[in-house]
N, C-alpha and C. Protein backbone atom coordinates (compact mmCIF):
# COMPACT_ATOMS: atom_id res chain seq x y z
N UNK A 1 26.99 -2.52 -25.20
CA UNK A 1 26.35 -3.32 -24.18
C UNK A 1 27.16 -3.21 -22.89
N UNK A 2 26.50 -2.82 -21.78
CA UNK A 2 27.25 -2.67 -20.53
C UNK A 2 27.72 -4.02 -20.00
N UNK A 3 28.84 -4.00 -19.29
CA UNK A 3 29.27 -5.24 -18.64
C UNK A 3 28.19 -5.72 -17.68
N UNK A 4 27.97 -7.01 -17.64
CA UNK A 4 26.89 -7.59 -16.83
C UNK A 4 27.07 -7.25 -15.36
N UNK A 5 28.29 -7.23 -14.87
CA UNK A 5 28.55 -7.00 -13.46
C UNK A 5 28.12 -5.64 -12.94
N UNK A 6 27.97 -4.66 -13.81
CA UNK A 6 27.61 -3.32 -13.34
C UNK A 6 26.22 -3.25 -12.75
N UNK A 7 25.31 -4.10 -13.16
CA UNK A 7 23.96 -4.09 -12.62
C UNK A 7 23.76 -4.97 -11.41
N UNK A 8 24.77 -5.75 -11.06
CA UNK A 8 24.64 -6.72 -9.97
C UNK A 8 24.32 -6.06 -8.63
N UNK A 9 25.02 -5.00 -8.21
CA UNK A 9 24.67 -4.40 -6.91
C UNK A 9 23.22 -3.89 -6.87
N UNK A 10 22.77 -3.30 -7.94
CA UNK A 10 21.40 -2.79 -7.99
C UNK A 10 20.39 -3.93 -7.96
N UNK A 11 20.65 -4.98 -8.69
CA UNK A 11 19.74 -6.13 -8.69
C UNK A 11 19.78 -6.86 -7.36
N UNK A 12 20.94 -6.89 -6.71
CA UNK A 12 21.03 -7.50 -5.38
C UNK A 12 20.21 -6.69 -4.38
N UNK A 13 20.28 -5.36 -4.48
CA UNK A 13 19.48 -4.50 -3.62
C UNK A 13 17.98 -4.77 -3.83
N UNK A 14 17.57 -4.87 -5.09
CA UNK A 14 16.16 -5.15 -5.39
C UNK A 14 15.75 -6.49 -4.82
N UNK A 15 16.61 -7.49 -4.92
CA UNK A 15 16.30 -8.81 -4.37
C UNK A 15 16.18 -8.80 -2.85
N UNK A 16 17.08 -8.11 -2.18
CA UNK A 16 17.04 -8.05 -0.71
C UNK A 16 15.79 -7.28 -0.26
N UNK A 17 15.49 -6.18 -0.92
CA UNK A 17 14.30 -5.41 -0.55
C UNK A 17 13.03 -6.23 -0.79
N UNK A 18 12.95 -6.91 -1.91
CA UNK A 18 11.78 -7.75 -2.20
C UNK A 18 11.66 -8.86 -1.18
N UNK A 19 12.77 -9.51 -0.85
CA UNK A 19 12.78 -10.58 0.15
C UNK A 19 12.30 -10.06 1.51
N UNK A 20 12.71 -8.85 1.87
CA UNK A 20 12.32 -8.25 3.15
C UNK A 20 10.83 -7.91 3.17
N UNK A 21 10.33 -7.40 2.07
CA UNK A 21 8.93 -6.97 2.00
C UNK A 21 7.96 -8.13 1.79
N UNK A 22 8.43 -9.18 1.15
CA UNK A 22 7.55 -10.26 0.65
C UNK A 22 6.57 -10.81 1.69
N UNK A 23 6.99 -11.10 2.92
CA UNK A 23 6.03 -11.66 3.89
C UNK A 23 4.89 -10.69 4.23
N UNK A 24 5.06 -9.43 3.94
CA UNK A 24 4.07 -8.41 4.30
C UNK A 24 3.22 -7.95 3.12
N UNK A 25 3.54 -8.45 1.93
CA UNK A 25 2.78 -8.06 0.73
C UNK A 25 1.56 -8.96 0.62
N UNK A 26 0.35 -8.38 0.55
CA UNK A 26 -0.85 -9.20 0.40
C UNK A 26 -0.78 -10.06 -0.87
N UNK A 27 -1.40 -11.22 -0.81
CA UNK A 27 -1.34 -12.18 -1.92
C UNK A 27 -1.82 -11.57 -3.24
N UNK A 28 -2.84 -10.74 -3.19
CA UNK A 28 -3.36 -10.16 -4.44
C UNK A 28 -2.43 -9.09 -5.03
N UNK A 29 -1.43 -8.64 -4.28
CA UNK A 29 -0.49 -7.64 -4.79
C UNK A 29 0.89 -8.22 -5.11
N UNK A 30 1.09 -9.51 -4.87
CA UNK A 30 2.42 -10.08 -5.07
C UNK A 30 2.87 -10.03 -6.53
N UNK A 31 2.01 -10.38 -7.46
CA UNK A 31 2.39 -10.33 -8.88
C UNK A 31 2.65 -8.89 -9.33
N UNK A 32 1.76 -7.93 -9.01
CA UNK A 32 2.07 -6.54 -9.39
C UNK A 32 3.36 -6.01 -8.76
N UNK A 33 3.64 -6.38 -7.53
CA UNK A 33 4.87 -5.93 -6.87
C UNK A 33 6.08 -6.50 -7.60
N UNK A 34 6.05 -7.78 -7.94
CA UNK A 34 7.17 -8.37 -8.69
C UNK A 34 7.36 -7.68 -10.04
N UNK A 35 6.27 -7.42 -10.73
CA UNK A 35 6.37 -6.74 -12.03
C UNK A 35 6.96 -5.35 -11.85
N UNK A 36 6.53 -4.63 -10.83
CA UNK A 36 7.02 -3.28 -10.59
C UNK A 36 8.51 -3.30 -10.24
N UNK A 37 8.94 -4.24 -9.41
CA UNK A 37 10.36 -4.36 -9.07
C UNK A 37 11.17 -4.64 -10.33
N UNK A 38 10.67 -5.50 -11.19
CA UNK A 38 11.38 -5.82 -12.44
C UNK A 38 11.51 -4.59 -13.33
N UNK A 39 10.44 -3.84 -13.47
CA UNK A 39 10.46 -2.65 -14.33
C UNK A 39 11.39 -1.58 -13.77
N UNK A 40 11.29 -1.30 -12.48
CA UNK A 40 12.13 -0.26 -11.87
C UNK A 40 13.60 -0.68 -11.90
N UNK A 41 13.88 -1.94 -11.64
CA UNK A 41 15.27 -2.42 -11.68
C UNK A 41 15.84 -2.31 -13.09
N UNK A 42 15.04 -2.68 -14.08
CA UNK A 42 15.48 -2.58 -15.47
C UNK A 42 15.75 -1.13 -15.84
N UNK A 43 14.86 -0.22 -15.43
CA UNK A 43 15.03 1.20 -15.72
C UNK A 43 16.35 1.71 -15.13
N UNK A 44 16.63 1.35 -13.89
CA UNK A 44 17.84 1.83 -13.23
C UNK A 44 19.10 1.26 -13.87
N UNK A 45 19.09 -0.03 -14.17
CA UNK A 45 20.25 -0.66 -14.81
C UNK A 45 20.49 -0.04 -16.18
N UNK A 46 19.43 0.20 -16.93
CA UNK A 46 19.57 0.82 -18.26
C UNK A 46 20.09 2.25 -18.16
N UNK A 47 19.62 3.00 -17.15
CA UNK A 47 20.10 4.37 -16.98
C UNK A 47 21.59 4.38 -16.65
N UNK A 48 22.01 3.48 -15.77
CA UNK A 48 23.43 3.41 -15.44
C UNK A 48 24.26 2.88 -16.60
N UNK A 49 23.66 2.07 -17.46
CA UNK A 49 24.36 1.50 -18.60
C UNK A 49 24.49 2.44 -19.79
N UNK A 50 23.93 3.64 -19.70
CA UNK A 50 24.04 4.59 -20.82
C UNK A 50 25.47 4.95 -21.13
N UNK A 51 26.35 4.80 -20.18
CA UNK A 51 27.75 5.14 -20.37
C UNK A 51 28.44 4.18 -21.36
N UNK A 52 27.87 3.01 -21.57
CA UNK A 52 28.53 1.98 -22.36
C UNK A 52 28.05 1.89 -23.80
N UNK A 53 27.40 2.92 -24.30
CA UNK A 53 27.00 2.92 -25.71
C UNK A 53 28.21 3.26 -26.56
N UNK A 54 28.17 2.96 -27.86
CA UNK A 54 29.32 3.29 -28.73
C UNK A 54 29.68 4.77 -28.64
N UNK A 55 30.96 5.09 -28.82
CA UNK A 55 31.48 6.44 -28.62
C UNK A 55 30.69 7.50 -29.42
N UNK A 56 30.36 7.21 -30.67
CA UNK A 56 29.67 8.21 -31.48
C UNK A 56 28.23 8.45 -31.02
N UNK A 57 27.66 7.51 -30.26
CA UNK A 57 26.30 7.65 -29.77
C UNK A 57 26.26 7.98 -28.27
N UNK A 58 27.43 8.07 -27.64
CA UNK A 58 27.50 8.25 -26.18
C UNK A 58 26.93 9.61 -25.78
N UNK A 59 26.09 9.63 -24.73
CA UNK A 59 25.57 10.91 -24.25
C UNK A 59 26.68 11.70 -23.56
N UNK A 60 26.46 12.98 -23.41
CA UNK A 60 27.42 13.80 -22.69
C UNK A 60 27.44 13.42 -21.22
N UNK A 61 28.50 13.85 -20.55
CA UNK A 61 28.66 13.51 -19.14
C UNK A 61 27.50 14.03 -18.30
N UNK A 62 27.03 15.24 -18.59
CA UNK A 62 25.93 15.81 -17.82
C UNK A 62 24.65 14.99 -18.01
N UNK A 63 24.41 14.56 -19.22
CA UNK A 63 23.23 13.76 -19.51
C UNK A 63 23.29 12.41 -18.78
N UNK A 64 24.46 11.78 -18.83
CA UNK A 64 24.62 10.49 -18.14
C UNK A 64 24.43 10.67 -16.64
N UNK A 65 25.06 11.68 -16.06
CA UNK A 65 24.95 11.89 -14.62
C UNK A 65 23.52 12.21 -14.21
N UNK A 66 22.82 12.97 -15.01
CA UNK A 66 21.42 13.29 -14.69
C UNK A 66 20.56 12.04 -14.74
N UNK A 67 20.75 11.21 -15.75
CA UNK A 67 19.97 9.97 -15.86
C UNK A 67 20.30 9.01 -14.72
N UNK A 68 21.57 8.87 -14.40
CA UNK A 68 21.98 7.96 -13.33
C UNK A 68 21.46 8.45 -11.98
N UNK A 69 21.63 9.74 -11.71
CA UNK A 69 21.15 10.29 -10.43
C UNK A 69 19.64 10.19 -10.32
N UNK A 70 18.93 10.50 -11.40
CA UNK A 70 17.48 10.40 -11.39
C UNK A 70 16.99 8.99 -11.15
N UNK A 71 17.63 8.03 -11.80
CA UNK A 71 17.23 6.62 -11.63
C UNK A 71 17.49 6.15 -10.20
N UNK A 72 18.65 6.49 -9.65
CA UNK A 72 18.98 6.05 -8.29
C UNK A 72 18.08 6.73 -7.26
N UNK A 73 17.77 8.02 -7.47
CA UNK A 73 16.85 8.70 -6.55
C UNK A 73 15.45 8.11 -6.64
N UNK A 74 15.04 7.74 -7.84
CA UNK A 74 13.72 7.12 -8.02
C UNK A 74 13.65 5.77 -7.29
N UNK A 75 14.71 4.98 -7.41
CA UNK A 75 14.77 3.69 -6.71
C UNK A 75 14.72 3.92 -5.20
N UNK A 76 15.49 4.88 -4.72
CA UNK A 76 15.50 5.17 -3.28
C UNK A 76 14.13 5.63 -2.81
N UNK A 77 13.50 6.51 -3.56
CA UNK A 77 12.18 7.02 -3.20
C UNK A 77 11.14 5.91 -3.17
N UNK A 78 11.13 5.07 -4.18
CA UNK A 78 10.17 3.97 -4.22
C UNK A 78 10.44 2.94 -3.14
N UNK A 79 11.71 2.78 -2.75
CA UNK A 79 12.04 1.87 -1.66
C UNK A 79 11.44 2.36 -0.35
N UNK A 80 11.56 3.65 -0.10
CA UNK A 80 10.99 4.23 1.12
C UNK A 80 9.46 4.08 1.10
N UNK A 81 8.85 4.37 -0.03
CA UNK A 81 7.40 4.23 -0.13
C UNK A 81 6.96 2.78 0.09
N UNK A 82 7.69 1.84 -0.48
CA UNK A 82 7.34 0.42 -0.32
C UNK A 82 7.47 -0.01 1.13
N UNK A 83 8.52 0.43 1.80
CA UNK A 83 8.70 0.09 3.21
C UNK A 83 7.58 0.68 4.06
N UNK A 84 7.21 1.93 3.77
CA UNK A 84 6.11 2.56 4.51
C UNK A 84 4.78 1.87 4.25
N UNK A 85 4.60 1.36 3.05
CA UNK A 85 3.34 0.73 2.66
C UNK A 85 3.21 -0.68 3.23
N UNK A 86 4.29 -1.47 3.18
CA UNK A 86 4.16 -2.89 3.47
C UNK A 86 4.74 -3.35 4.80
N UNK A 87 5.72 -2.64 5.34
CA UNK A 87 6.31 -3.09 6.60
C UNK A 87 5.47 -2.61 7.79
N UNK A 88 5.37 -3.45 8.81
CA UNK A 88 4.56 -3.05 9.97
C UNK A 88 5.21 -1.93 10.77
């Protein structure tokens, strides 16, 4: 189980982005946006937490780096798309 603190910066980023976008999200999309933020944040935290599995089950360094980089790039990409979609 990864230390709880490792996901805090990512979750803080998700919270700040959601707070920034929230006034511009139409009412009918607010619940789907919250669900999507929760799913994407969970995916990224889990990808970064792959390093903390037991030693015999631990992925190789290349696998961990690929998962972490992919998750962070996905978060960055979706952040740009969300800003383009909802911000004036």
